[in-house]
Amino acid sequence: MSVAVSFNGVGKRYAGGRQALENVTFEVAAGEMLFVTGHSGAGKSTLLKLVPLVERPSSGALLVNGQNVLALRPAAVPYLRRTLGLVYQDQKLLYDRTVLDNVLLPLQVCGYPPGDALRRARAALDKVGLLDRDRALPVQLSGGEQQRLCVARAVVNRPSVLIADEPTASLDTDAALQMMELFRSFNQVGVTVIVATHDQALVARYASRAVRLEQGRLAA
């Protein structure tokens, strides 16, 4: 069984001494759908930020697709992130650009030919059910549609690992279930999916495996 992400004794201490994570060890198998649960402030968001090196661990070892990411030079970090799909709580949408332009941006940064980029972006929007809103601005979308736009942008590079931090937190029940069905559909075609959530109903419904954090430590 190949391993997509491996944490080994990982810790994260912030300036000022706050210990956000301590001695966290677990693996995520390639093609697995894993939930990270825990109370607010347990360390879920910090844990997910370590994988793309948005935050760097203070201790331990972290492997992503077999690569020791802590040994990467700063110039190599963007290449790591191109293999990952990231859905953040604060969305980071560009509100002065259309839905299509938001999804095109990662491909343009990577230097894809315009025709290829357009085909990929439209395919990603079609996958999340937003192709008919491609000329709209994000502010014209509902909250659920904005989250689906974030997912389209995260998967347009066809990542091997999709990471989502509380992706259903601001959604009603129906929109949350639609979002989770979307993640499951990506998982079913081989994408490793890691979702941080405090919603135990979603975990019970979708999780084949979950890990739980308590005060920055792995509890279960």
Protein backbone atom coordinates (compact mmCIF):
# COMPACT_ATOMS: atom_id res chain seq x y z
CA MET A 1 0.00 0.00 0.00
CA SER A 2 1.48 3.35 -1.01
CA VAL A 3 1.33 6.27 1.40
CA ALA A 4 0.26 9.75 0.28
CA VAL A 5 1.05 11.68 3.48
CA SER A 6 3.05 10.56 6.51
CA PHE A 7 3.37 12.45 9.80
CA ASN A 8 6.06 11.12 12.16
CA GLY A 9 6.40 12.82 15.53
CA VAL A 10 5.34 16.15 14.05
CA GLY A 11 5.14 19.19 16.30
CA LYS A 12 4.37 22.85 15.69
CA ARG A 13 5.30 25.61 18.13
CA TYR A 14 4.49 29.20 17.28
CA ALA A 15 6.49 32.27 18.22
CA GLY A 16 5.61 33.11 21.80
CA GLY A 17 5.67 29.48 22.83
CA ARG A 18 2.17 28.24 21.94
CA GLN A 19 2.34 24.52 21.14
CA ALA A 20 -0.26 23.93 18.40
CA LEU A 21 0.72 20.32 17.65
CA GLU A 22 2.79 17.81 19.59
CA ASN A 23 4.19 14.44 18.54
CA VAL A 24 1.56 13.72 15.87
CA THR A 25 2.11 10.41 14.03
CA PHE A 26 -0.18 8.84 11.43
CA GLU A 27 -0.30 7.99 7.73
CA VAL A 28 -2.80 8.65 4.97
CA ALA A 29 -2.86 5.94 2.33
CA ALA A 30 -2.90 6.90 -1.33
CA GLY A 31 -6.53 6.96 -2.49
CA GLU A 32 -7.92 7.16 1.05
CA MET A 33 -10.59 9.58 2.30
CA LEU A 34 -9.63 10.64 5.81
CA PHE A 35 -11.33 12.99 8.24
CA VAL A 36 -9.45 15.04 10.86
CA THR A 37 -11.77 15.89 13.74
CA GLY A 38 -11.53 17.73 17.04
CA HIS A 39 -12.79 20.75 18.91
CA SER A 40 -12.16 24.32 17.78
CA GLY A 41 -8.50 25.08 18.49
CA ALA A 42 -7.48 21.41 18.59
CA GLY A 43 -4.93 21.95 15.81
CA LYS A 44 -6.85 20.75 12.72
CA SER A 45 -6.15 23.81 10.56
CA THR A 46 -2.51 23.91 11.60
CA LEU A 47 -2.13 20.23 10.70
CA LEU A 48 -3.51 20.75 7.21
CA LYS A 49 -1.34 23.81 6.61
CA LEU A 50 1.78 21.73 7.21
CA VAL A 51 1.21 19.50 4.17
CA PRO A 52 1.65 22.27 1.55
CA LEU A 53 4.20 24.04 3.81
CA VAL A 54 1.95 27.03 4.40
CA GLU A 55 3.27 26.41 7.91
CA ARG A 56 6.47 24.49 8.65
CA PRO A 57 6.69 21.89 11.40
CA SER A 58 8.93 22.71 14.34
CA SER A 59 9.85 19.06 14.84
CA GLY A 60 9.35 15.60 13.37
CA ALA A 61 9.25 14.33 9.79
CA LEU A 62 6.64 14.93 7.09
CA LEU A 63 6.51 13.02 3.81
CA VAL A 64 4.17 13.89 0.93
CA ASN A 65 4.00 11.34 -1.89
CA GLY A 66 7.24 9.86 -0.57
CA GLN A 67 9.06 13.20 -0.58
CA ASN A 68 10.59 14.72 2.55
CA VAL A 69 9.01 18.15 2.24
CA LEU A 70 11.11 19.60 5.05
CA ALA A 71 14.20 19.14 2.87
CA LEU A 72 12.71 21.17 0.01
CA ARG A 73 14.37 24.42 -0.98
CA PRO A 74 11.99 27.42 -0.98
CA ALA A 75 12.07 27.49 -4.79
CA ALA A 76 10.73 23.92 -4.88
CA VAL A 77 7.69 24.56 -2.67
CA PRO A 78 5.44 25.83 -5.53
CA TYR A 79 6.08 22.55 -7.36
CA LEU A 80 4.97 20.61 -4.28
CA ARG A 81 1.77 22.66 -4.09
CA ARG A 82 0.93 21.91 -7.73
CA THR A 83 0.41 18.26 -6.72
CA LEU A 84 -2.07 19.33 -4.02
CA GLY A 85 -5.58 20.76 -4.10
CA LEU A 86 -6.25 23.18 -1.26
CA VAL A 87 -9.67 24.39 -0.05
CA TYR A 88 -9.31 26.92 2.78
CA GLN A 89 -11.92 28.27 5.20
CA ASP A 90 -11.39 31.85 4.02
CA GLN A 91 -11.76 30.82 0.35
CA LYS A 92 -9.23 33.34 -1.08
CA LEU A 93 -11.40 33.99 -4.12
CA LEU A 94 -10.60 36.92 -6.41
CA TYR A 95 -13.80 38.96 -6.34
CA ASP A 96 -12.84 41.24 -9.22
CA ARG A 97 -12.51 38.25 -11.59
CA THR A 98 -15.14 35.99 -13.09
CA VAL A 99 -15.79 32.43 -11.96
CA LEU A 100 -13.92 31.15 -15.01
CA ASP A 101 -10.96 33.47 -14.43
CA ASN A 102 -10.68 32.30 -10.81
CA VAL A 103 -10.31 28.71 -11.99
CA LEU A 104 -7.98 29.62 -14.85
CA LEU A 105 -5.51 31.42 -12.58
CA PRO A 106 -3.61 28.36 -11.22
CA LEU A 107 -3.17 27.04 -14.76
CA GLN A 108 -1.92 30.40 -16.01
CA VAL A 109 0.59 30.54 -13.17
CA CYS A 110 1.82 27.07 -14.18
CA GLY A 111 2.21 28.15 -17.80
CA TYR A 112 -0.43 25.95 -19.44
CA PRO A 113 -1.20 26.83 -23.08
CA PRO A 114 -4.36 29.00 -23.19
CA GLY A 115 -6.46 26.44 -25.07
CA ASP A 116 -5.53 23.60 -22.74
CA ALA A 117 -6.10 25.80 -19.69
CA LEU A 118 -9.56 26.80 -20.90
CA ARG A 119 -10.56 23.18 -21.50
CA ARG A 120 -9.36 22.14 -18.05
CA ALA A 121 -11.05 25.08 -16.33
CA ARG A 122 -14.39 24.45 -18.04
CA ALA A 123 -14.17 20.74 -17.21
CA ALA A 124 -13.54 21.57 -13.53
CA LEU A 125 -16.50 23.96 -13.45
CA ASP A 126 -18.69 21.35 -15.10
CA LYS A 127 -17.64 18.80 -12.45
CA VAL A 128 -18.83 21.09 -9.63
CA GLY A 129 -21.98 22.20 -11.45
CA LEU A 130 -20.94 25.79 -12.17
CA LEU A 131 -20.27 25.76 -15.89
CA ASP A 132 -23.38 27.84 -16.55
CA ARG A 133 -22.10 30.50 -14.11
CA ASP A 134 -18.66 30.87 -15.70
CA ARG A 135 -19.13 34.59 -16.50
CA ALA A 136 -20.55 35.51 -13.09
CA LEU A 137 -18.53 37.23 -10.38
CA PRO A 138 -18.04 35.36 -7.09
CA VAL A 139 -20.19 37.91 -5.24
CA GLN A 140 -23.13 36.82 -7.41
CA LEU A 141 -22.86 33.22 -6.16
CA SER A 142 -24.47 31.69 -3.09
CA GLY A 143 -22.28 30.50 -0.23
CA GLY A 144 -22.50 26.92 -1.43
CA GLU A 145 -21.64 27.94 -4.99
CA GLN A 146 -18.62 29.90 -3.76
CA GLN A 147 -17.38 26.79 -1.95
CA ARG A 148 -17.86 24.72 -5.10
CA LEU A 149 -15.88 27.35 -7.00
CA CYS A 150 -13.06 26.90 -4.48
CA VAL A 151 -13.16 23.16 -5.12
CA ALA A 152 -13.05 23.66 -8.91
CA ARG A 153 -9.99 25.86 -8.53
CA ALA A 154 -8.37 23.31 -6.18
CA VAL A 155 -8.82 20.36 -8.56
CA VAL A 156 -8.15 22.06 -11.91
CA ASN A 157 -4.49 20.97 -11.69
CA ARG A 158 -5.67 17.36 -11.19
CA PRO A 159 -3.95 16.99 -7.79
CA SER A 160 -3.09 13.67 -6.23
CA VAL A 161 -4.11 14.95 -2.77
CA LEU A 162 -7.11 17.20 -2.02
CA ILE A 163 -7.09 18.98 1.35
CA ALA A 164 -10.15 20.80 2.71
CA ASP A 165 -10.34 22.76 5.96
CA GLU A 166 -13.91 22.89 7.37
CA PRO A 167 -15.39 23.07 3.85
CA THR A 168 -18.99 22.76 5.09
CA ALA A 169 -18.78 25.08 8.12
CA SER A 170 -20.84 27.90 6.59
CA LEU A 171 -23.23 25.71 4.58
CA ASP A 172 -26.74 24.47 5.29
CA THR A 173 -27.35 20.73 5.51
CA ASP A 174 -28.24 20.22 1.85
CA ALA A 175 -25.26 22.23 0.59
CA ALA A 176 -22.95 20.43 3.01
CA LEU A 177 -24.08 17.04 1.73
CA GLN A 178 -23.60 18.19 -1.88
CA MET A 179 -20.07 19.29 -0.98
CA MET A 180 -19.25 15.95 0.61
CA GLU A 181 -20.66 14.03 -2.35
CA LEU A 182 -18.34 16.10 -4.52
CA PHE A 183 -15.33 15.13 -2.40
CA ARG A 184 -16.41 11.50 -2.48
CA SER A 185 -16.65 11.60 -6.28
CA PHE A 186 -13.03 12.78 -6.49
CA ASN A 187 -11.97 10.11 -4.01
CA GLN A 188 -13.69 7.43 -6.07
CA VAL A 189 -11.43 8.21 -9.04
CA GLY A 190 -8.29 7.83 -6.92
CA VAL A 191 -7.69 11.26 -5.37
CA THR A 192 -6.53 11.17 -1.74
CA VAL A 193 -8.92 13.39 0.24
CA ILE A 194 -8.21 14.85 3.69
CA VAL A 195 -11.04 16.83 5.30
CA ALA A 196 -10.90 18.69 8.62
CA THR A 197 -14.32 19.04 10.25
CA HIS A 198 -16.05 19.27 13.59
CA ASP A 199 -19.30 17.95 12.09
CA GLN A 200 -19.64 14.46 13.56
CA ALA A 201 -22.71 13.69 11.45
CA LEU A 202 -20.65 14.09 8.29
CA VAL A 203 -17.87 11.96 9.75
CA ALA A 204 -20.34 9.20 10.64
CA ARG A 205 -21.86 9.32 7.16
CA TYR A 206 -18.73 9.52 5.01
CA ALA A 207 -15.61 8.54 6.91
CA SER A 208 -13.94 5.22 6.36
CA ARG A 209 -11.34 6.44 8.88
CA ALA A 210 -10.97 9.48 11.09
CA VAL A 211 -8.24 10.81 13.37
CA ARG A 212 -9.10 13.07 16.29
CA LEU A 213 -6.99 15.85 17.76
CA GLU A 214 -7.26 17.07 21.33
CA GLN A 215 -5.15 20.05 22.41
CA GLY A 216 -2.73 19.42 19.57
CA ARG A 217 -2.25 15.72 20.31
CA LEU A 218 -3.55 12.72 18.42
CA ALA A 219 -6.35 11.27 20.55
CA ALA A 220 -7.78 8.58 18.31
